[in-house]
Amino acid sequence: MRMTKLAAVLSTLALFSSQTALADITVGVSLSSTGPGASLGIPEKNVFAMLPTKIAGENVKYIVLDDATDPSAASKNARKLVSEDKVDVLVGSATTPASVAIAEVAFESKTPQVAISPVNVAPEKSAWVFRTPQNNTLMAGALVEHMKASGVKSLGFIGFSDVYGEDWLNAITPLLASAGIKLGAVERYARNDTSVSGQVLKLVSSRPDAILVVGSGSPAALPQTGLVERGFKGQIYQTHAAVNQAFLSVAGKAAEGVIMPVGPVVVAKQIADSHPSKKLGIDFVHKYEEKYGAGSFVSFAGHAYDAYLLIEAAVPVALKKAKAGTPEFRKALRDALESNKEVVATHGVYNMTPTDHFGLDQRGRVLIRVEGGAYKLLAK
C-alpha cells in the first residue's frame, strides 16, 4: 500500500514538474558571433545577456548559438533548436543569407522567427518571419530623396554578391527611375573579399555623381577606402548595415562625409524630443554601455533588443490561447506578432499586418553623415 501511495505521489510530482516545464518560454537564437558578420553578431549576442528572464509572469530561457556567418550552420542551429530544444520562437541571424536559411526551418517547423536582418522570402514562408531591421525599400527611399535634393543625376553601385546586395539593388532601382536618376555601373563583391580594386576602378571610370556601397560591418569599409584612394570626389552612400564601430575603425578618415540611413537609436540624443523612440533609445544605449563600455553601442544591438520587445508584446496575447512549448502556442505567438500594434522600440514604432512583417514606417529612419569619426544627424 505504501509503495502504491509513493508511486502516486511521484507520479503527481512528475506531472506537476512536466506542467511547470511546459509553461516555460524558450527562445532559440542563432547569431554570427564569428566570421565576417561578427561585428554585427557580437553586439546582438550581448543583448541576450541583458534581457529579463520572465515575460508575463512566465520563465524565459534563451539558447544562443553561433552560426559563424555561415547559412548552412544557421540552418543546422535552427533545426537543433526546433527539434531538440523545442523552442517557441527563433531569433536571428545577424546576416541576411543566414536569416534566409533560418526562415526555411521556421516555415517547415511552423515556428515563428524574428529576424534581425532585413530578409525577404517567398510570401508563403514570410507568414512565419518577422523582422526588426527596416525594410530596404524604406531606407533606399531616404537615400534617393537626398540624392534628388542634392542634384544627383547618376549613381554607381557596388554591393555584396548575395541576397542582401540583390535585395538592395531591387529596392532602389525603381526608386531611382522615378526620381530621374540613372543607375550606371553595377559591381559586386563577396563578404570575405580582401580586394575590390577592379570593381572600384570600373566605378570611378564611369564617372557617376554618387556611388552606393551595399555592405555590412567592416566588409563595407573595403569599397569605401578603395573609392577614396582612387580619388572619387562624388558623394558616397552606405546602407544601415554598415553603421557600426567596425566600419568606422577600418575605414578611418575614408569614412568622412559618407551618408547613411539608420534607425533613430543611433543618434537618439540628437533626434527631436517628440520622437516616440527617443527616451527608450537613450535608456537602452545607457544600459548597454554601462555593461559593455562607453562607445560600445551599435545599431545591431538595437535590432536584437527590438526582437525582444516584439516577443514581449506578443507573449501575453498568445498565452491566453495556449501554453508555451506546444504547437498551439507557436501558432498563437505567430498570430500575436502579426497583430502587434504601436510597439515602441529603439528603431521606431512597429505595426505588423498580414502583408507587412517589417512593420516600421518613416519614424524608423533618419539620415546621418560621418563627421569627425562620429555619426551626426543630417538636417533636412
Foldseek 3Di string as FASTA:
>chain_A
DVVVVVVVVVVVVVVVVVVLVLQEAEEEEEEACAALLNLLRVLLVLLVVVDDQDFPRHGYHYDYHYQNPDLVSLLVSLCCCCPPVVHQEYEDYRDQSNVVSNLVSCLVSVHAYEYAYQYDDDLSSCLRYFYAADHLLQFLLVVLVVCLVVVFAEEEEEEEPDPQRVSNCVNNVVVCVVSNHHYDHYHYDHSPDPADLVVLVVRVVVPGQEYEYEDAFLSSLRSLQNNVVVPPDHAYEYEQRHWALRSLVNNPPSQAFYKYKAFCLQVLVQDDPPQLQNVVSVVVVVVSCVVVNPRHDTCSNQRSVVVVLLQSQQQVQLVVFDRHSDSSSSNSSSVSSQQDFQRHGNQHGAGHHSVDSNRHHNSRIFMWGQDPSGTDTDDD
